[in-house]
C-alpha atoms as a PDB file:
ATOM      1  CA  MET A   1      26.113 -20.175   4.717  1.00  0.00           C
ATOM      2  CA  SER A   2      23.468 -18.112   2.914  1.00  0.00           C
ATOM      3  CA  ARG A   3      24.719 -15.445   0.514  1.00  0.00           C
ATOM      4  CA  ARG A   4      21.560 -13.370   0.926  1.00  0.00           C
ATOM      5  CA  PRO A   5      22.873 -10.932   3.597  1.00  0.00           C
ATOM      6  CA  ALA A   6      25.874 -10.203   1.408  1.00  0.00           C
ATOM      7  CA  VAL A   7      23.636  -9.801  -1.659  1.00  0.00           C
ATOM      8  CA  GLY A   8      21.409  -7.413   0.170  1.00  0.00           C
ATOM      9  CA  ALA A   9      24.367  -5.320   1.399  1.00  0.00           C
ATOM     10  CA  ALA A  10      25.805  -5.222  -2.085  1.00  0.00           C
ATOM     11  CA  LEU A  11      22.460  -4.017  -3.586  1.00  0.00           C
ATOM     12  CA  VAL A  12      22.207  -1.278  -0.947  1.00  0.00           C
ATOM     13  CA  ALA A  13      25.778  -0.180  -1.708  1.00  0.00           C
ATOM     14  CA  VAL A  14      25.031  -0.020  -5.452  1.00  0.00           C
ATOM     15  CA  ALA A  15      21.825   1.905  -4.785  1.00  0.00           C
ATOM     16  CA  LEU A  16      23.663   4.432  -2.596  1.00  0.00           C
ATOM     17  CA  LEU A  17      26.334   5.020  -5.281  1.00  0.00           C
ATOM     18  CA  LEU A  18      23.964   5.115  -8.278  1.00  0.00           C
ATOM     19  CA  PRO A  19      22.979   8.811  -8.075  1.00  0.00           C
ATOM     20  CA  LEU A  20      26.622   9.777  -7.673  1.00  0.00           C
ATOM     21  CA  ALA A  21      27.613   7.703 -10.779  1.00  0.00           C
ATOM     22  CA  LEU A  22      24.892   9.334 -12.834  1.00  0.00           C
ATOM     23  CA  ALA A  23      25.433  12.875 -11.542  1.00  0.00           C
ATOM     24  CA  GLY A  24      25.680  15.371 -14.404  1.00  0.00           C
ATOM     25  CA  THR A  25      24.381  12.973 -17.069  1.00  0.00           C
ATOM     26  CA  ARG A  26      21.174  13.555 -18.974  1.00  0.00           C
ATOM     27  CA  TYR A  27      19.851  10.187 -17.690  1.00  0.00           C
ATOM     28  CA  ALA A  28      20.236  10.998 -13.997  1.00  0.00           C
ATOM     29  CA  HIS A  29      16.660  12.196 -13.309  1.00  0.00           C
ATOM     30  CA  TYR A  30      15.052   9.520 -15.461  1.00  0.00           C
ATOM     31  CA  VAL A  31      16.979   6.634 -13.831  1.00  0.00           C
ATOM     32  CA  GLU A  32      16.389   7.997 -10.344  1.00  0.00           C
ATOM     33  CA  HIS A  33      12.671   8.316 -11.014  1.00  0.00           C
ATOM     34  CA  LEU A  34      12.566   4.769 -12.343  1.00  0.00           C
ATOM     35  CA  ALA A  35      14.614   3.444  -9.400  1.00  0.00           C
ATOM     36  CA  VAL A  36      12.208   5.002  -6.924  1.00  0.00           C
ATOM     37  CA  GLN A  37       9.295   3.229  -8.646  1.00  0.00           C
ATOM     38  CA  VAL A  38      11.194  -0.015  -8.350  1.00  0.00           C
ATOM     39  CA  MET A  39      11.875   0.463  -4.675  1.00  0.00           C
ATOM     40  CA  LEU A  40       8.327   1.522  -3.752  1.00  0.00           C
ATOM     41  CA  MET A  41       6.808  -1.365  -5.771  1.00  0.00           C
ATOM     42  CA  GLY A  42       9.324  -3.639  -4.080  1.00  0.00           C
ATOM     43  CA  LEU A  43       8.170  -2.496  -0.651  1.00  0.00           C
ATOM     44  CA  TYR A  44       4.550  -3.056  -1.757  1.00  0.00           C
ATOM     45  CA  ALA A  45       5.417  -6.551  -2.989  1.00  0.00           C
ATOM     46  CA  MET A  46       7.236  -7.328   0.246  1.00  0.00           C
ATOM     47  CA  ALA A  47       4.116  -6.504   2.131  1.00  0.00           C
ATOM     48  CA  TRP A  48       2.102  -8.956   0.010  1.00  0.00           C
ATOM     49  CA  ASP A  49       4.887 -11.596   0.324  1.00  0.00           C
ATOM     50  CA  PHE A  50       4.793 -11.347   4.191  1.00  0.00           C
ATOM     51  CA  LEU A  51       1.085 -12.278   4.152  1.00  0.00           C
ATOM     52  CA  ASN A  52       1.271 -15.011   1.524  1.00  0.00           C
ATOM     53  CA  GLY A  53       4.799 -16.358   2.066  1.00  0.00           C
ATOM     54  CA  TYR A  54       4.736 -16.393   5.904  1.00  0.00           C
ATOM     55  CA  VAL A  55       1.078 -16.889   6.701  1.00  0.00           C
ATOM     56  CA  GLY A  56      -0.280 -18.655   3.625  1.00  0.00           C
ATOM     57  CA  MET A  57      -3.053 -16.051   2.981  1.00  0.00           C
ATOM     58  CA  PHE A  58      -3.376 -15.347  -0.747  1.00  0.00           C
ATOM     59  CA  SER A  59      -4.651 -11.781  -1.129  1.00  0.00           C
ATOM     60  CA  PHE A  60      -5.910 -10.418  -4.424  1.00  0.00           C
ATOM     61  CA  GLY A  61      -6.923  -7.120  -2.893  1.00  0.00           C
ATOM     62  CA  HIS A  62      -3.690  -5.530  -1.695  1.00  0.00           C
ATOM     63  CA  ALA A  63      -4.524  -2.442  -3.740  1.00  0.00           C
ATOM     64  CA  ALA A  64      -6.992  -1.669  -1.000  1.00  0.00           C
ATOM     65  CA  PHE A  65      -4.102  -0.896   1.385  1.00  0.00           C
ATOM     66  CA  PHE A  66      -1.845   0.665  -1.230  1.00  0.00           C
ATOM     67  CA  GLY A  67      -4.633   2.938  -2.496  1.00  0.00           C
ATOM     68  CA  THR A  68      -5.770   3.804   1.014  1.00  0.00           C
ATOM     69  CA  GLY A  69      -2.285   5.070   1.834  1.00  0.00           C
ATOM     70  CA  ALA A  70      -2.173   7.093  -1.382  1.00  0.00           C
ATOM     71  CA  TYR A  71      -5.596   8.658  -0.964  1.00  0.00           C
ATOM     72  CA  ALA A  72      -5.142   9.438   2.711  1.00  0.00           C
ATOM     73  CA  VAL A  73      -2.123  11.544   1.763  1.00  0.00           C
ATOM     74  CA  ALA A  74      -3.785  13.130  -1.225  1.00  0.00           C
ATOM     75  CA  ILE A  75      -7.020  14.071   0.562  1.00  0.00           C
ATOM     76  CA  LEU A  76      -5.099  15.648   3.416  1.00  0.00           C
ATOM     77  CA  VAL A  77      -2.922  17.700   1.082  1.00  0.00           C
ATOM     78  CA  VAL A  78      -5.483  18.726  -1.590  1.00  0.00           C
ATOM     79  CA  ARG A  79      -8.669  19.017   0.518  1.00  0.00           C
ATOM     80  CA  GLY A  80      -7.241  19.628   3.999  1.00  0.00           C
ATOM     81  CA  GLY A  81      -4.213  21.748   3.210  1.00  0.00           C
ATOM     82  CA  VAL A  82      -1.976  19.575   5.383  1.00  0.00           C
ATOM     83  CA  THR A  83       1.572  19.435   4.033  1.00  0.00           C
ATOM     84  CA  SER A  84       3.668  18.127   6.949  1.00  0.00           C
ATOM     85  CA  ALA A  85       5.322  14.936   5.672  1.00  0.00           C
ATOM     86  CA  PRO A  86       5.346  13.171   9.081  1.00  0.00           C
ATOM     87  CA  VAL A  87       1.653  13.941   9.678  1.00  0.00           C
ATOM     88  CA  LEU A  88       0.793  12.777   6.159  1.00  0.00           C
ATOM     89  CA  LEU A  89       2.583   9.520   6.616  1.00  0.00           C
ATOM     90  CA  LEU A  90       1.232   8.849  10.055  1.00  0.00           C
ATOM     91  CA  ALA A  91      -2.342   9.468   8.839  1.00  0.00           C
ATOM     92  CA  ALA A  92      -1.782   7.185   5.793  1.00  0.00           C
ATOM     93  CA  LEU A  93      -0.395   4.445   7.930  1.00  0.00           C
ATOM     94  CA  ALA A  94      -3.258   4.719  10.453  1.00  0.00           C
ATOM     95  CA  ALA A  95      -5.893   4.567   7.683  1.00  0.00           C
ATOM     96  CA  SER A  96      -4.178   1.568   6.036  1.00  0.00           C
ATOM     97  CA  VAL A  97      -3.935  -0.323   9.285  1.00  0.00           C
ATOM     98  CA  VAL A  98      -7.628   0.270  10.040  1.00  0.00           C
ATOM     99  CA  VAL A  99      -8.611  -0.994   6.568  1.00  0.00           C
ATOM    100  CA  GLY A 100      -6.244  -3.919   7.029  1.00  0.00           C
ATOM    101  CA  ALA A 101      -7.768  -4.796  10.401  1.00  0.00           C
ATOM    102  CA  VAL A 102     -11.239  -4.825   8.846  1.00  0.00           C
ATOM    103  CA  VAL A 103     -10.177  -6.894   5.854  1.00  0.00           C
ATOM    104  CA  GLY A 104      -8.130  -9.128   8.136  1.00  0.00           C
ATOM    105  CA  TYR A 105     -11.091  -9.698  10.456  1.00  0.00           C
ATOM    106  CA  LEU A 106     -13.207 -10.791   7.477  1.00  0.00           C
ATOM    107  CA  SER A 107     -10.466 -12.832   5.845  1.00  0.00           C
ATOM    108  CA  ALA A 108      -9.431 -14.682   9.006  1.00  0.00           C
ATOM    109  CA  ARG A 109     -12.816 -16.261   9.332  1.00  0.00           C
ATOM    110  CA  VAL A 110     -13.166 -17.816   5.902  1.00  0.00           C
ATOM    111  CA  GLY A 111     -11.364 -20.538   3.952  1.00  0.00           C
ATOM    112  CA  ALA A 112      -8.262 -20.189   1.819  1.00  0.00           C
ATOM    113  CA  VAL A 113     -10.184 -19.810  -1.431  1.00  0.00           C
ATOM    114  CA  ALA A 114     -12.600 -17.304   0.103  1.00  0.00           C
ATOM    115  CA  ILE A 115      -9.668 -15.192   1.248  1.00  0.00           C
ATOM    116  CA  PHE A 116      -8.933 -14.431  -2.396  1.00  0.00           C
ATOM    117  CA  LEU A 117     -12.580 -13.349  -2.936  1.00  0.00           C
ATOM    118  CA  VAL A 118     -12.910 -11.318   0.289  1.00  0.00           C
ATOM    119  CA  THR A 119      -9.766  -9.297  -0.291  1.00  0.00           C
ATOM    120  CA  PHE A 120     -10.670  -8.727  -3.944  1.00  0.00           C
ATOM    121  CA  ALA A 121     -14.229  -7.617  -3.011  1.00  0.00           C
ATOM    122  CA  CYS A 122     -12.932  -5.176  -0.371  1.00  0.00           C
ATOM    123  CA  ALA A 123     -10.507  -3.585  -2.829  1.00  0.00           C
ATOM    124  CA  GLU A 124     -13.203  -3.279  -5.458  1.00  0.00           C
ATOM    125  CA  ALA A 125     -15.586  -1.683  -2.961  1.00  0.00           C
ATOM    126  CA  LEU A 126     -13.013   0.964  -2.108  1.00  0.00           C
ATOM    127  CA  TYR A 127     -12.316   1.490  -5.850  1.00  0.00           C
ATOM    128  CA  LEU A 128     -16.017   2.123  -6.519  1.00  0.00           C
ATOM    129  CA  LEU A 129     -16.271   4.401  -3.518  1.00  0.00           C
ATOM    130  CA  VAL A 130     -13.379   6.531  -4.778  1.00  0.00           C
ATOM    131  CA  LEU A 131     -14.717   6.490  -8.330  1.00  0.00           C
ATOM    132  CA  THR A 132     -18.259   7.561  -7.424  1.00  0.00           C
ATOM    133  CA  ASP A 133     -16.968  10.149  -4.909  1.00  0.00           C
ATOM    134  CA  PRO A 134     -20.205  10.540  -2.848  1.00  0.00           C
ATOM    135  CA  ARG A 135     -18.730  13.204  -0.538  1.00  0.00           C
ATOM    136  CA  GLY A 136     -16.692  15.162  -3.069  1.00  0.00           C
ATOM    137  CA  LEU A 137     -13.313  14.207  -1.661  1.00  0.00           C
ATOM    138  CA  THR A 138     -11.643  12.053  -4.280  1.00  0.00           C
ATOM    139  CA  ASN A 139     -12.446  13.976  -7.497  1.00  0.00           C
ATOM    140  CA  GLY A 140     -13.821  10.778  -9.092  1.00  0.00           C
ATOM    141  CA  ASP A 141     -11.961   9.257 -12.017  1.00  0.00           C
ATOM    142  CA  ASN A 142      -9.696  12.284 -12.382  1.00  0.00           C
ATOM    143  CA  GLY A 143      -7.967  11.654  -9.090  1.00  0.00           C
ATOM    144  CA  LEU A 144      -6.302  14.190  -6.877  1.00  0.00           C
ATOM    145  CA  ALA A 145      -3.283  16.019  -8.276  1.00  0.00           C
ATOM    146  CA  GLY A 146      -0.951  18.402  -6.555  1.00  0.00           C
ATOM    147  CA  VAL A 147       0.148  16.108  -3.779  1.00  0.00           C
ATOM    148  CA  VAL A 148       3.221  18.064  -2.714  1.00  0.00           C
ATOM    149  CA  PRO A 149       4.517  17.963   0.869  1.00  0.00           C
ATOM    150  CA  ALA A 150       6.265  20.890   2.660  1.00  0.00           C
ATOM    151  CA  PRO A 151      10.037  20.805   3.170  1.00  0.00           C
ATOM    152  CA  LEU A 152      11.104  18.672   6.077  1.00  0.00           C
ATOM    153  CA  LEU A 153      13.802  20.267   8.294  1.00  0.00           C
ATOM    154  CA  GLY A 154      14.650  22.494   5.383  1.00  0.00           C
ATOM    155  CA  VAL A 155      14.941  19.613   2.947  1.00  0.00           C
ATOM    156  CA  ASP A 156      12.796  19.736  -0.231  1.00  0.00           C
ATOM    157  CA  LEU A 157      11.342  16.263  -0.518  1.00  0.00           C
ATOM    158  CA  THR A 158      10.085  16.913  -4.060  1.00  0.00           C
ATOM    159  CA  GLN A 159      13.581  16.857  -5.488  1.00  0.00           C
ATOM    160  CA  SER A 160      14.248  13.575  -7.223  1.00  0.00           C
ATOM    161  CA  GLY A 161      17.647  13.014  -5.584  1.00  0.00           C
ATOM    162  CA  THR A 162      16.289  13.600  -2.136  1.00  0.00           C
ATOM    163  CA  PHE A 163      13.236  11.398  -2.631  1.00  0.00           C
ATOM    164  CA  TYR A 164      15.478   8.641  -4.004  1.00  0.00           C
ATOM    165  CA  TYR A 165      17.389   8.416  -0.774  1.00  0.00           C
ATOM    166  CA  VAL A 166      14.179   8.646   1.329  1.00  0.00           C
ATOM    167  CA  ALA A 167      12.715   5.770  -0.655  1.00  0.00           C
ATOM    168  CA  LEU A 168      15.863   3.751  -0.291  1.00  0.00           C
ATOM    169  CA  ALA A 169      15.989   4.253   3.472  1.00  0.00           C
ATOM    170  CA  VAL A 170      12.305   3.304   3.822  1.00  0.00           C
ATOM    171  CA  VAL A 171      12.676   0.127   1.747  1.00  0.00           C
ATOM    172  CA  VAL A 172      15.780  -1.009   3.696  1.00  0.00           C
ATOM    173  CA  LEU A 173      14.112  -0.255   7.028  1.00  0.00           C
ATOM    174  CA  GLY A 174      10.876  -1.920   5.797  1.00  0.00           C
ATOM    175  CA  TYR A 175      12.776  -5.112   4.904  1.00  0.00           C
ATOM    176  CA  ARG A 176      14.561  -5.163   8.228  1.00  0.00           C
ATOM    177  CA  LEU A 177      11.293  -4.743  10.158  1.00  0.00           C
ATOM    178  CA  LEU A 178       9.466  -7.431   8.165  1.00  0.00           C
ATOM    179  CA  ALA A 179      12.422  -9.825   8.521  1.00  0.00           C
ATOM    180  CA  ALA A 180      12.485  -9.164  12.301  1.00  0.00           C
ATOM    181  CA  ILE A 181       8.770  -9.763  12.576  1.00  0.00           C
ATOM    182  CA  ALA A 182       9.110 -13.029  10.660  1.00  0.00           C
ATOM    183  CA  ARG A 183      11.821 -14.226  13.053  1.00  0.00           C
ATOM    184  CA  SER A 184       9.929 -13.158  16.186  1.00  0.00           C
ATOM    185  CA  GLN A 185       7.643 -15.444  18.246  1.00  0.00           C
ATOM    186  CA  PHE A 186       4.672 -13.793  16.476  1.00  0.00           C
ATOM    187  CA  GLY A 187       6.248 -14.691  13.135  1.00  0.00           C
ATOM    188  CA  GLN A 188       6.870 -18.296  14.181  1.00  0.00           C
ATOM    189  CA  VAL A 189       3.290 -18.683  15.054  1.00  0.00           C
ATOM    190  CA  LEU A 190       2.325 -17.323  11.629  1.00  0.00           C
ATOM    191  CA  LEU A 191       4.628 -19.874  10.019  1.00  0.00           C
ATOM    192  CA  GLY A 192       2.938 -22.565  12.073  1.00  0.00           C
ATOM    193  CA  ILE A 193      -0.444 -21.424  10.861  1.00  0.00           C
ATOM    194  CA  ARG A 194       0.788 -21.666   7.278  1.00  0.00           C
ATOM    195  CA  GLU A 195       2.114 -25.188   7.827  1.00  0.00           C
ATOM    196  CA  ASN A 196      -0.639 -26.650   9.958  1.00  0.00           C
ATOM    197  CA  GLU A 197      -3.439 -24.359  11.150  1.00  0.00           C
ATOM    198  CA  VAL A 198      -5.285 -27.108  13.026  1.00  0.00           C
ATOM    199  CA  ARG A 199      -2.251 -27.975  15.130  1.00  0.00           C
ATOM    200  CA  VAL A 200      -1.657 -24.364  16.037  1.00  0.00           C
ATOM    201  CA  ARG A 201      -5.302 -24.008  16.994  1.00  0.00           C
ATOM    202  CA  PHE A 202      -5.086 -27.045  19.266  1.00  0.00           C
ATOM    203  CA  ALA A 203      -1.972 -25.595  20.856  1.00  0.00           C
ATOM    204  CA  GLY A 204      -4.196 -22.842  22.265  1.00  0.00           C
ATOM    205  CA  TYR A 205      -3.438 -19.981  19.892  1.00  0.00           C
ATOM    206  CA  HIS A 206      -6.249 -17.738  18.633  1.00  0.00           C
ATOM    207  CA  VAL A 207      -5.603 -18.235  14.893  1.00  0.00           C
ATOM    208  CA  GLU A 208      -8.124 -15.607  13.803  1.00  0.00           C
ATOM    209  CA  GLN A 209      -6.395 -12.926  15.913  1.00  0.00           C
ATOM    210  CA  TYR A 210      -3.021 -13.813  14.504  1.00  0.00           C
ATOM    211  CA  LYS A 211      -4.334 -13.715  10.950  1.00  0.00           C
ATOM    212  CA  THR A 212      -6.030 -10.353  11.522  1.00  0.00           C
ATOM    213  CA  ALA A 213      -2.848  -8.944  13.012  1.00  0.00           C
ATOM    214  CA  ALA A 214      -0.831 -10.304  10.027  1.00  0.00           C
ATOM    215  CA  VAL A 215      -3.079  -8.547   7.519  1.00  0.00           C
ATOM    216  CA  ALA A 216      -2.783  -5.305   9.485  1.00  0.00           C
ATOM    217  CA  VAL A 217       1.032  -5.577   9.480  1.00  0.00           C
ATOM    218  CA  SER A 218       0.976  -6.199   5.706  1.00  0.00           C
ATOM    219  CA  ALA A 219      -1.422  -3.308   5.241  1.00  0.00           C
ATOM    220  CA  PHE A 220       0.958  -1.008   7.172  1.00  0.00           C
ATOM    221  CA  PHE A 221       3.783  -1.574   4.681  1.00  0.00           C
ATOM    222  CA  ALA A 222       1.513  -1.613   1.628  1.00  0.00           C
ATOM    223  CA  GLY A 223      -0.050   1.666   2.752  1.00  0.00           C
ATOM    224  CA  LEU A 224       3.363   3.151   3.314  1.00  0.00           C
ATOM    225  CA  ALA A 225       4.328   2.272  -0.252  1.00  0.00           C
ATOM    226  CA  GLY A 226       1.099   3.796  -1.535  1.00  0.00           C
ATOM    227  CA  ALA A 227       1.550   7.022   0.470  1.00  0.00           C
ATOM    228  CA  LEU A 228       5.142   7.474  -0.831  1.00  0.00           C
ATOM    229  CA  THR A 229       3.986   6.682  -4.382  1.00  0.00           C
ATOM    230  CA  ALA A 230       1.365   9.478  -4.178  1.00  0.00           C
ATOM    231  CA  LEU A 231       4.059  11.897  -2.945  1.00  0.00           C
ATOM    232  CA  HIS A 232       6.467  10.752  -5.625  1.00  0.00           C
ATOM    233  CA  GLU A 233       3.976  10.922  -8.487  1.00  0.00           C
ATOM    234  CA  ARG A 234       2.181  13.922  -6.873  1.00  0.00           C
ATOM    235  CA  ILE A 235      -1.184  12.323  -7.634  1.00  0.00           C
ATOM    236  CA  ALA A 236      -3.598   9.662  -6.373  1.00  0.00           C
ATOM    237  CA  SER A 237      -5.847   8.082  -8.932  1.00  0.00           C
ATOM    238  CA  PRO A 238      -8.579   5.416  -8.762  1.00  0.00           C
ATOM    239  CA  GLU A 239      -6.206   3.001 -10.490  1.00  0.00           C
ATOM    240  CA  THR A 240      -4.199   2.707  -7.262  1.00  0.00           C
ATOM    241  CA  LEU A 241      -7.175   0.735  -5.898  1.00  0.00           C
ATOM    242  CA  GLY A 242      -7.791  -1.300  -9.029  1.00  0.00           C
ATOM    243  CA  TRP A 243      -7.374  -5.007  -9.534  1.00  0.00           C
ATOM    244  CA  ALA A 244      -4.359  -4.485 -11.772  1.00  0.00           C
ATOM    245  CA  VAL A 245      -2.419  -2.994  -8.829  1.00  0.00           C
ATOM    246  CA  SER A 246      -3.443  -6.028  -6.730  1.00  0.00           C
ATOM    247  CA  GLY A 247      -2.252  -8.282  -9.494  1.00  0.00           C
ATOM    248  CA  ASP A 248       1.048  -6.446  -9.681  1.00  0.00           C
ATOM    249  CA  ALA A 249       1.891  -7.496  -6.071  1.00  0.00           C
ATOM    250  CA  VAL A 250       1.226 -11.120  -6.984  1.00  0.00           C
ATOM    251  CA  LEU A 251       3.281 -10.890 -10.109  1.00  0.00           C
ATOM    252  CA  TYR A 252       6.270  -9.204  -8.466  1.00  0.00           C
ATOM    253  CA  ALA A 253       6.381 -11.651  -5.583  1.00  0.00           C
ATOM    254  CA  THR A 254       5.768 -14.788  -7.593  1.00  0.00           C
ATOM    255  CA  LEU A 255       8.348 -13.836 -10.196  1.00  0.00           C
ATOM    256  CA  GLY A 256      10.960 -13.030  -7.574  1.00  0.00           C
ATOM    257  CA  GLY A 257      10.115 -15.763  -5.138  1.00  0.00           C
ATOM    258  CA  THR A 258       7.560 -15.916  -2.385  1.00  0.00           C
ATOM    259  CA  GLY A 259       8.578 -16.288   1.232  1.00  0.00           C
ATOM    260  CA  THR A 260      11.934 -14.499   0.660  1.00  0.00           C
ATOM    261  CA  LEU A 261      11.000 -10.825   1.098  1.00  0.00           C
ATOM    262  CA  LEU A 262      13.915  -9.775  -1.122  1.00  0.00           C
ATOM    263  CA  GLY A 263      12.599 -11.798  -4.072  1.00  0.00           C
ATOM    264  CA  PRO A 264       9.583  -9.507  -4.566  1.00  0.00           C
ATOM    265  CA  VAL A 265      12.030  -6.547  -4.898  1.00  0.00           C
ATOM    266  CA  LEU A 266      13.819  -8.378  -7.632  1.00  0.00           C
ATOM    267  CA  GLY A 267      10.504  -9.186  -9.306  1.00  0.00           C
ATOM    268  CA  ALA A 268       9.391  -5.581  -9.053  1.00  0.00           C
ATOM    269  CA  GLY A 269      12.651  -4.451 -10.616  1.00  0.00           C
ATOM    270  CA  ILE A 270      12.339  -6.776 -13.584  1.00  0.00           C
ATOM    271  CA  VAL A 271       8.696  -5.932 -14.321  1.00  0.00           C
ATOM    272  CA  VAL A 272       8.947  -2.152 -13.762  1.00  0.00           C
ATOM    273  CA  VAL A 273      12.034  -1.879 -15.999  1.00  0.00           C
ATOM    274  CA  ALA A 274      10.617  -4.245 -18.611  1.00  0.00           C
ATOM    275  CA  ARG A 275       7.364  -2.240 -18.663  1.00  0.00           C
ATOM    276  CA  GLU A 276       9.335   0.998 -19.187  1.00  0.00           C
ATOM    277  CA  VAL A 277      11.592  -0.394 -21.938  1.00  0.00           C
ATOM    278  CA  LEU A 278       9.305  -2.754 -23.839  1.00  0.00           C
ATOM    279  CA  SER A 279       6.317  -0.449 -23.857  1.00  0.00           C
ATOM    280  CA  ASP A 280       8.347   1.890 -26.087  1.00  0.00           C
ATOM    281  CA  LEU A 281       9.370  -0.880 -28.373  1.00  0.00           C
ATOM    282  CA  PHE A 282       6.284  -3.121 -28.703  1.00  0.00           C
ATOM    283  CA  ARG A 283       2.589  -2.295 -28.618  1.00  0.00           C
ATOM    284  CA  SER A 284       1.914  -5.753 -27.309  1.00  0.00           C
ATOM    285  CA  TRP A 285       4.681  -5.813 -24.705  1.00  0.00           C
ATOM    286  CA  LEU A 286       2.335  -7.336 -22.096  1.00  0.00           C
ATOM    287  CA  ILE A 287       2.162 -10.486 -24.143  1.00  0.00           C
ATOM    288  CA  PHE A 288       5.931 -10.863 -23.868  1.00  0.00           C
ATOM    289  CA  VAL A 289       5.863 -10.248 -20.095  1.00  0.00           C
ATOM    290  CA  GLY A 290       2.966 -12.672 -19.663  1.00  0.00           C
ATOM    291  CA  ALA A 291       4.679 -15.388 -21.667  1.00  0.00           C
ATOM    292  CA  THR A 292       7.854 -14.959 -19.651  1.00  0.00           C
ATOM    293  CA  TYR A 293       5.913 -15.128 -16.405  1.00  0.00           C
ATOM    294  CA  ILE A 294       4.050 -18.314 -17.430  1.00  0.00           C
ATOM    295  CA  ALA A 295       7.347 -19.944 -18.444  1.00  0.00           C
ATOM    296  CA  LEU A 296       8.900 -19.084 -15.092  1.00  0.00           C
ATOM    297  CA  VAL A 297       5.923 -20.475 -13.197  1.00  0.00           C
ATOM    298  CA  PHE A 298       6.344 -23.786 -15.024  1.00  0.00           C
ATOM    299  CA  PHE A 299      10.109 -24.062 -14.974  1.00  0.00           C
ATOM    300  CA  LEU A 300      11.052 -22.020 -11.862  1.00  0.00           C
ATOM    301  CA  PRO A 301       8.015 -22.286  -9.546  1.00  0.00           C
ATOM    302  CA  SER A 302      10.037 -21.073  -6.565  1.00  0.00           C
ATOM    303  CA  GLY A 303      10.904 -17.827  -8.387  1.00  0.00           C
ATOM    304  CA  LEU A 304      14.158 -16.279  -9.508  1.00  0.00           C
ATOM    305  CA  PHE A 305      15.672 -15.204  -6.171  1.00  0.00           C
ATOM    306  CA  PRO A 306      16.082 -18.667  -4.579  1.00  0.00           C
ATOM    307  CA  VAL A 307      17.657 -19.939  -7.775  1.00  0.00           C
ATOM    308  CA  LEU A 308      20.069 -17.001  -8.113  1.00  0.00           C
ATOM    309  CA  PHE A 309      20.944 -16.624  -4.411  1.00  0.00           C
END
């Protein structure tokens, strides 16, 4: 019997108790802030893993969806004066799904190698659009600061403790939804496409439509992670659409284990914490992370999560 459900439940229990254990200490705010980063990056990596691990589509442009969610929220708050959290999130999700559908339509009609290039090109196009700011909405390379939502039902979402539990609830729900989609008939067809696309096509399924829908689903969750990150950091910057953010999704998922959904969360936790700790100790900390990653690819190609759990 798999230990993964028990592991997931244990992790959620620890996450629920963490703020209580740290209450009153000088590290409480710092640890909560870092934990929120881990959770949101974990959700983002899960979105990438759904597309790569369950469909076999290797995206190197997931920042397009992450950044769309972030900028949709930021533009509405800063330029439009909209501060209702539900409205902001719905708008971000809608924008991300639209971008995902467009990228999915293009990606579904090319070969495996070309998917990498198409997704990367789409993300770079959005990055340049935000950077040049032709309509005066994105504030160019300075980004949009002051992304603060109004209280929801009297609850101040800007407080770190409150946002921590919001992020935790969203990540748990996101995992449950993605796992349910993967187990559904739709998900089984996607797995069939990953294993043998020709056979699925001969069985009468419209492969392109399924691939497009899969990208849109992945974009939904990546956009949600981006929107919440903008609200958490209170800013949306062009870097959220950059190639480095796209690479982060690949790194987190590959390190943790693709096709597992929970593995990318583990990978995100390792990299985000390592980045925070090592960057203060070593100027060349990225070399250490890169060397570790290369070693894992050679010696643990399936990632850490399948080995540990």
